[in-house]
PDB file of all heavy atoms in Angstrom:
ATOM      1  N   ILE A   1      -5.377   1.483  16.704  1.00  0.00           N
ATOM      2  CA  ILE A   1      -4.044   1.764  16.169  1.00  0.00           C
ATOM      3  C   ILE A   1      -3.529   0.590  15.356  1.00  0.00           C
ATOM      4  O   ILE A   1      -2.757   0.754  14.408  1.00  0.00           O
ATOM      5  CB  ILE A   1      -3.054   2.130  17.307  1.00  0.00           C
ATOM      6  CG1 ILE A   1      -1.755   2.645  16.727  1.00  0.00           C
ATOM      7  CG2 ILE A   1      -2.837   0.940  18.220  1.00  0.00           C
ATOM      8  CD1 ILE A   1      -1.877   3.941  15.974  1.00  0.00           C
ATOM      9  N   VAL A   2      -3.968  -0.618  15.725  1.00  0.00           N
ATOM     10  CA  VAL A   2      -3.523  -1.810  14.994  1.00  0.00           C
ATOM     11  C   VAL A   2      -4.135  -1.816  13.595  1.00  0.00           C
ATOM     12  O   VAL A   2      -3.473  -2.144  12.613  1.00  0.00           O
ATOM     13  CB  VAL A   2      -3.892  -3.081  15.757  1.00  0.00           C
ATOM     14  CG1 VAL A   2      -3.454  -4.317  14.971  1.00  0.00           C
ATOM     15  CG2 VAL A   2      -3.246  -3.079  17.138  1.00  0.00           C
ATOM     16  N   ALA A   3      -5.414  -1.441  13.491  1.00  0.00           N
ATOM     17  CA  ALA A   3      -6.064  -1.402  12.179  1.00  0.00           C
ATOM     18  C   ALA A   3      -5.369  -0.381  11.287  1.00  0.00           C
ATOM     19  O   ALA A   3      -5.146  -0.633  10.096  1.00  0.00           O
ATOM     20  CB  ALA A   3      -7.541  -1.041  12.346  1.00  0.00           C
ATOM     21  N   ILE A   4      -5.028   0.754  11.850  1.00  0.00           N
ATOM     22  CA  ILE A   4      -4.330   1.777  11.073  1.00  0.00           C
ATOM     23  C   ILE A   4      -2.967   1.256  10.627  1.00  0.00           C
ATOM     24  O   ILE A   4      -2.524   1.495   9.513  1.00  0.00           O
ATOM     25  CB  ILE A   4      -4.199   3.063  11.891  1.00  0.00           C
ATOM     26  CG1 ILE A   4      -5.582   3.626  12.196  1.00  0.00           C
ATOM     27  CG2 ILE A   4      -3.359   4.091  11.137  1.00  0.00           C
ATOM     28  CD1 ILE A   4      -5.588   4.793  13.149  1.00  0.00           C
ATOM     29  N   ALA A   5      -2.293   0.544  11.553  1.00  0.00           N
ATOM     30  CA  ALA A   5      -0.987  -0.032  11.209  1.00  0.00           C
ATOM     31  C   ALA A   5      -1.119  -1.048  10.092  1.00  0.00           C
ATOM     32  O   ALA A   5      -0.219  -1.171   9.237  1.00  0.00           O
ATOM     33  CB  ALA A   5      -0.372  -0.681  12.444  1.00  0.00           C
ATOM     34  N   VAL A   6      -2.233  -1.773  10.057  1.00  0.00           N
ATOM     35  CA  VAL A   6      -2.474  -2.727   8.955  1.00  0.00           C
ATOM     36  C   VAL A   6      -2.527  -1.997   7.621  1.00  0.00           C
ATOM     37  O   VAL A   6      -1.888  -2.403   6.635  1.00  0.00           O
ATOM     38  CB  VAL A   6      -3.795  -3.499   9.184  1.00  0.00           C
ATOM     39  CG1 VAL A   6      -4.145  -4.311   7.932  1.00  0.00           C
ATOM     40  CG2 VAL A   6      -3.657  -4.423  10.380  1.00  0.00           C
ATOM     41  N   GLY A   7      -3.259  -0.874   7.586  1.00  0.00           N
ATOM     42  CA  GLY A   7      -3.348  -0.097   6.350  1.00  0.00           C
ATOM     43  C   GLY A   7      -1.994   0.417   5.902  1.00  0.00           C
ATOM     44  O   GLY A   7      -1.670   0.403   4.705  1.00  0.00           O
ATOM     45  N   ILE A   8      -1.195   0.879   6.862  1.00  0.00           N
ATOM     46  CA  ILE A   8       0.130   1.401   6.526  1.00  0.00           C
ATOM     47  C   ILE A   8       1.045   0.284   6.031  1.00  0.00           C
ATOM     48  O   ILE A   8       1.755   0.444   5.034  1.00  0.00           O
ATOM     49  CB  ILE A   8       0.745   2.107   7.754  1.00  0.00           C
ATOM     50  CG1 ILE A   8      -0.075   3.353   8.114  1.00  0.00           C
ATOM     51  CG2 ILE A   8       2.203   2.467   7.495  1.00  0.00           C
ATOM     52  CD1 ILE A   8       0.366   4.033   9.374  1.00  0.00           C
ATOM     53  N   ALA A   9       1.031  -0.857   6.738  1.00  0.00           N
ATOM     54  CA  ALA A   9       1.907  -1.975   6.363  1.00  0.00           C
ATOM     55  C   ALA A   9       1.563  -2.499   4.969  1.00  0.00           C
ATOM     56  O   ALA A   9       2.451  -2.711   4.133  1.00  0.00           O
ATOM     57  CB  ALA A   9       1.793  -3.083   7.394  1.00  0.00           C
ATOM     58  N   VAL A  10       0.290  -2.712   4.718  1.00  0.00           N
ATOM     59  CA  VAL A  10      -0.123  -3.217   3.405  1.00  0.00           C
ATOM     60  C   VAL A  10       0.159  -2.181   2.325  1.00  0.00           C
ATOM     61  O   VAL A  10       0.673  -2.508   1.247  1.00  0.00           O
ATOM     62  CB  VAL A  10      -1.618  -3.586   3.418  1.00  0.00           C
ATOM     63  CG1 VAL A  10      -2.079  -3.964   2.009  1.00  0.00           C
ATOM     64  CG2 VAL A  10      -1.871  -4.728   4.388  1.00  0.00           C
ATOM     65  N   GLY A  11      -0.131  -0.917   2.617  1.00  0.00           N
ATOM     66  CA  GLY A  11       0.129   0.138   1.653  1.00  0.00           C
ATOM     67  C   GLY A  11       1.590   0.243   1.281  1.00  0.00           C
ATOM     68  O   GLY A  11       1.930   0.384   0.092  1.00  0.00           O
ATOM     69  N   MET A  12       2.464   0.162   2.276  1.00  0.00           N
ATOM     70  CA  MET A  12       3.897   0.253   1.996  1.00  0.00           C
ATOM     71  C   MET A  12       4.390  -0.960   1.217  1.00  0.00           C
ATOM     72  O   MET A  12       5.262  -0.833   0.350  1.00  0.00           O
ATOM     73  CB  MET A  12       4.649   0.399   3.318  1.00  0.00           C
ATOM     74  CG  MET A  12       4.421   1.731   4.006  1.00  0.00           C
ATOM     75  SD  MET A  12       5.361   1.920   5.543  1.00  0.00           S
ATOM     76  CE  MET A  12       7.049   1.930   4.876  1.00  0.00           C
ATOM     77  N   ALA A  13       3.848  -2.142   1.523  1.00  0.00           N
ATOM     78  CA  ALA A  13       4.253  -3.350   0.798  1.00  0.00           C
ATOM     79  C   ALA A  13       3.853  -3.239  -0.671  1.00  0.00           C
ATOM     80  O   ALA A  13       4.635  -3.590  -1.573  1.00  0.00           O
ATOM     81  CB  ALA A  13       3.622  -4.581   1.422  1.00  0.00           C
ATOM     82  N   VAL A  14       2.655  -2.761  -0.928  1.00  0.00           N
ATOM     83  CA  VAL A  14       2.203  -2.579  -2.318  1.00  0.00           C
ATOM     84  C   VAL A  14       3.050  -1.508  -3.009  1.00  0.00           C
ATOM     85  O   VAL A  14       3.431  -1.669  -4.172  1.00  0.00           O
ATOM     86  CB  VAL A  14       0.715  -2.208  -2.350  1.00  0.00           C
ATOM     87  CG1 VAL A  14       0.281  -1.832  -3.772  1.00  0.00           C
ATOM     88  CG2 VAL A  14      -0.146  -3.359  -1.839  1.00  0.00           C
ATOM     89  N   ARG A  15       3.357  -0.446  -2.292  1.00  0.00           N
ATOM     90  CA  ARG A  15       4.177   0.624  -2.859  1.00  0.00           C
ATOM     91  C   ARG A  15       5.559   0.091  -3.239  1.00  0.00           C
ATOM     92  O   ARG A  15       6.097   0.431  -4.302  1.00  0.00           O
ATOM     93  CB  ARG A  15       4.327   1.751  -1.823  1.00  0.00           C
ATOM     94  CG  ARG A  15       5.102   2.967  -2.347  1.00  0.00           C
ATOM     95  CD  ARG A  15       4.223   3.854  -3.160  1.00  0.00           C
ATOM     96  NE  ARG A  15       4.949   4.969  -3.769  1.00  0.00           N
ATOM     97  CZ  ARG A  15       4.370   5.914  -4.476  1.00  0.00           C
ATOM     98  NH1 ARG A  15       3.068   5.913  -4.674  1.00  0.00           N
ATOM     99  NH2 ARG A  15       5.076   6.892  -5.010  1.00  0.00           N
ATOM    100  N   PHE A  16       6.120  -0.742  -2.376  1.00  0.00           N
ATOM    101  CA  PHE A  16       7.439  -1.319  -2.678  1.00  0.00           C
ATOM    102  C   PHE A  16       7.354  -2.234  -3.888  1.00  0.00           C
ATOM    103  O   PHE A  16       8.233  -2.222  -4.747  1.00  0.00           O
ATOM    104  CB  PHE A  16       7.957  -2.077  -1.463  1.00  0.00           C
ATOM    105  CG  PHE A  16       9.325  -2.659  -1.635  1.00  0.00           C
ATOM    106  CD1 PHE A  16      10.449  -1.866  -1.501  1.00  0.00           C
ATOM    107  CD2 PHE A  16       9.493  -3.999  -1.950  1.00  0.00           C
ATOM    108  CE1 PHE A  16      11.731  -2.392  -1.690  1.00  0.00           C
ATOM    109  CE2 PHE A  16      10.752  -4.549  -2.135  1.00  0.00           C
ATOM    110  CZ  PHE A  16      11.882  -3.732  -1.995  1.00  0.00           C
ATOM    111  N   GLY A  17       6.296  -3.035  -3.937  1.00  0.00           N
ATOM    112  CA  GLY A  17       6.136  -3.944  -5.068  1.00  0.00           C
ATOM    113  C   GLY A  17       5.937  -3.223  -6.382  1.00  0.00           C
ATOM    114  O   GLY A  17       6.333  -3.714  -7.442  1.00  0.00           O
ATOM    115  N   SER A  18       5.335  -2.025  -6.323  1.00  0.00           N
ATOM    116  CA  SER A  18       5.107  -1.252  -7.547  1.00  0.00           C
ATOM    117  C   SER A  18       6.323  -0.445  -7.932  1.00  0.00           C
ATOM    118  O   SER A  18       6.270   0.355  -8.894  1.00  0.00           O
ATOM    119  CB  SER A  18       3.917  -0.310  -7.364  1.00  0.00           C
ATOM    120  OG  SER A  18       4.237   0.739  -6.459  1.00  0.00           O
ATOM    121  N   GLU A  19       7.422  -0.599  -7.178  1.00  0.00           N
ATOM    122  CA  GLU A  19       8.657   0.144  -7.421  1.00  0.00           C
ATOM    123  C   GLU A  19       8.451   1.648  -7.285  1.00  0.00           C
ATOM    124  O   GLU A  19       9.051   2.449  -7.998  1.00  0.00           O
ATOM    125  CB  GLU A  19       9.221  -0.200  -8.821  1.00  0.00           C
ATOM    126  CG  GLU A  19       9.540  -1.697  -8.960  1.00  0.00           C
ATOM    127  CD  GLU A  19       9.975  -2.047 -10.371  1.00  0.00           C
ATOM    128  OE1 GLU A  19      10.060  -1.139 -11.219  1.00  0.00           O
ATOM    129  OE2 GLU A  19      10.239  -3.256 -10.627  1.00  0.00           O
ATOM    130  N   GLY A  20       7.553   2.006  -6.370  1.00  0.00           N
ATOM    131  CA  GLY A  20       7.304   3.410  -6.090  1.00  0.00           C
ATOM    132  C   GLY A  20       6.481   4.134  -7.124  1.00  0.00           C
ATOM    133  O   GLY A  20       6.384   5.370  -7.078  1.00  0.00           O
ATOM    134  N   ARG A  21       5.879   3.404  -8.067  1.00  0.00           N
ATOM    135  CA  ARG A  21       5.144   4.071  -9.139  1.00  0.00           C
ATOM    136  C   ARG A  21       3.874   4.752  -8.610  1.00  0.00           C
ATOM    137  O   ARG A  21       3.622   5.907  -8.876  1.00  0.00           O
ATOM    138  CB  ARG A  21       4.765   3.074 -10.241  1.00  0.00           C
ATOM    139  CG  ARG A  21       5.968   2.413 -10.914  1.00  0.00           C
ATOM    140  CD  ARG A  21       6.809   3.422 -11.666  1.00  0.00           C
ATOM    141  NE  ARG A  21       7.981   2.820 -12.241  1.00  0.00           N
ATOM    142  CZ  ARG A  21       8.033   2.327 -13.471  1.00  0.00           C
ATOM    143  NH1 ARG A  21       6.978   2.361 -14.234  1.00  0.00           N
ATOM    144  NH2 ARG A  21       9.153   1.806 -13.933  1.00  0.00           N
ATOM    145  N   GLY A  22       3.063   4.012  -7.885  1.00  0.00           N
ATOM    146  CA  GLY A  22       1.789   4.542  -7.439  1.00  0.00           C
ATOM    147  C   GLY A  22       0.798   4.630  -8.588  1.00  0.00           C
ATOM    148  O   GLY A  22       1.128   4.418  -9.752  1.00  0.00           O
ATOM    149  N   GLY A  23      -0.432   4.915  -8.281  1.00  0.00           N
ATOM    150  CA  GLY A  23      -1.489   4.991  -9.299  1.00  0.00           C
ATOM    151  C   GLY A  23      -2.723   4.269  -8.815  1.00  0.00           C
ATOM    152  O   GLY A  23      -2.728   3.559  -7.822  1.00  0.00           O
ATOM    153  N   TRP A  24      -3.832   4.464  -9.548  1.00  0.00           N
ATOM    154  CA  TRP A  24      -5.118   3.945  -9.094  1.00  0.00           C
ATOM    155  C   TRP A  24      -5.137   2.429  -8.977  1.00  0.00           C
ATOM    156  O   TRP A  24      -5.791   1.881  -8.084  1.00  0.00           O
ATOM    157  CB  TRP A  24      -6.233   4.421 -10.026  1.00  0.00           C
ATOM    158  CG  TRP A  24      -6.150   3.870 -11.417  1.00  0.00           C
ATOM    159  CD1 TRP A  24      -5.554   4.435 -12.493  1.00  0.00           C
ATOM    160  CD2 TRP A  24      -6.683   2.618 -11.865  1.00  0.00           C
ATOM    161  NE1 TRP A  24      -5.661   3.635 -13.595  1.00  0.00           N
ATOM    162  CE2 TRP A  24      -6.370   2.517 -13.267  1.00  0.00           C
ATOM    163  CE3 TRP A  24      -7.416   1.601 -11.285  1.00  0.00           C
ATOM    164  CZ2 TRP A  24      -6.756   1.416 -14.025  1.00  0.00           C
ATOM    165  CZ3 TRP A  24      -7.795   0.494 -12.046  1.00  0.00           C
ATOM    166  CH2 TRP A  24      -7.465   0.428 -13.407  1.00  0.00           C
ATOM    167  N   ALA A  25      -4.427   1.732  -9.850  1.00  0.00           N
ATOM    168  CA  ALA A  25      -4.441   0.258  -9.801  1.00  0.00           C
ATOM    169  C   ALA A  25      -3.813  -0.230  -8.504  1.00  0.00           C
ATOM    170  O   ALA A  25      -4.347  -1.126  -7.828  1.00  0.00           O
ATOM    171  CB  ALA A  25      -3.693  -0.320 -11.004  1.00  0.00           C
ATOM    172  N   TYR A  26      -2.686   0.360  -8.126  1.00  0.00           N
ATOM    173  CA  TYR A  26      -2.024  -0.040  -6.884  1.00  0.00           C
ATOM    174  C   TYR A  26      -2.825   0.440  -5.675  1.00  0.00           C
ATOM    175  O   TYR A  26      -2.822  -0.226  -4.629  1.00  0.00           O
ATOM    176  CB  TYR A  26      -0.608   0.544  -6.844  1.00  0.00           C
ATOM    177  CG  TYR A  26       0.226   0.110  -8.017  1.00  0.00           C
ATOM    178  CD1 TYR A  26       0.658   1.026  -8.983  1.00  0.00           C
ATOM    179  CD2 TYR A  26       0.587  -1.221  -8.206  1.00  0.00           C
ATOM    180  CE1 TYR A  26       1.419   0.634 -10.065  1.00  0.00           C
ATOM    181  CE2 TYR A  26       1.344  -1.629  -9.287  1.00  0.00           C
ATOM    182  CZ  TYR A  26       1.750  -0.700 -10.211  1.00  0.00           C
ATOM    183  OH  TYR A  26       2.492  -1.100 -11.295  1.00  0.00           O
ATOM    184  N   GLN A  27      -3.505   1.544  -5.803  1.00  0.00           N
ATOM    185  CA  GLN A  27      -4.361   2.018  -4.716  1.00  0.00           C
ATOM    186  C   GLN A  27      -5.505   1.050  -4.458  1.00  0.00           C
ATOM    187  O   GLN A  27      -5.821   0.746  -3.300  1.00  0.00           O
ATOM    188  CB  GLN A  27      -4.892   3.414  -5.046  1.00  0.00           C
ATOM    189  CG  GLN A  27      -3.840   4.510  -4.958  1.00  0.00           C
ATOM    190  CD  GLN A  27      -4.381   5.856  -5.367  1.00  0.00           C
ATOM    191  OE1 GLN A  27      -4.864   6.027  -6.500  1.00  0.00           O
ATOM    192  NE2 GLN A  27      -4.328   6.826  -4.481  1.00  0.00           N
ATOM    193  N   LEU A  28      -6.117   0.545  -5.540  1.00  0.00           N
ATOM    194  CA  LEU A  28      -7.196  -0.419  -5.378  1.00  0.00           C
ATOM    195  C   LEU A  28      -6.701  -1.714  -4.757  1.00  0.00           C
ATOM    196  O   LEU A  28      -7.360  -2.303  -3.897  1.00  0.00           O
ATOM    197  CB  LEU A  28      -7.847  -0.703  -6.735  1.00  0.00           C
ATOM    198  CG  LEU A  28      -8.657   0.437  -7.351  1.00  0.00           C
ATOM    199  CD1 LEU A  28      -9.214   0.018  -8.711  1.00  0.00           C
ATOM    200  CD2 LEU A  28      -9.795   0.828  -6.427  1.00  0.00           C
ATOM    201  N   ILE A  29      -5.514  -2.163  -5.193  1.00  0.00           N
ATOM    202  CA  ILE A  29      -4.931  -3.383  -4.605  1.00  0.00           C
ATOM    203  C   ILE A  29      -4.695  -3.198  -3.117  1.00  0.00           C
ATOM    204  O   ILE A  29      -5.013  -4.063  -2.304  1.00  0.00           O
ATOM    205  CB  ILE A  29      -3.618  -3.746  -5.331  1.00  0.00           C
ATOM    206  CG1 ILE A  29      -3.898  -4.204  -6.762  1.00  0.00           C
ATOM    207  CG2 ILE A  29      -2.856  -4.821  -4.562  1.00  0.00           C
ATOM    208  CD1 ILE A  29      -2.646  -4.459  -7.587  1.00  0.00           C
ATOM    209  N   ALA A  30      -4.133  -2.058  -2.745  1.00  0.00           N
ATOM    210  CA  ALA A  30      -3.818  -1.791  -1.336  1.00  0.00           C
ATOM    211  C   ALA A  30      -5.071  -1.730  -0.498  1.00  0.00           C
ATOM    212  O   ALA A  30      -5.128  -2.286   0.617  1.00  0.00           O
ATOM    213  CB  ALA A  30      -3.007  -0.500  -1.213  1.00  0.00           C
TER     214      ALA A  30
END
């Protein structure tokens, strides 16, 4: 569950940094 939480935390941080845009570049970063 901790590993999954890591993916969620990092994904949300990248999403926030991208201003909610999303896209393949941000997906690769995450």
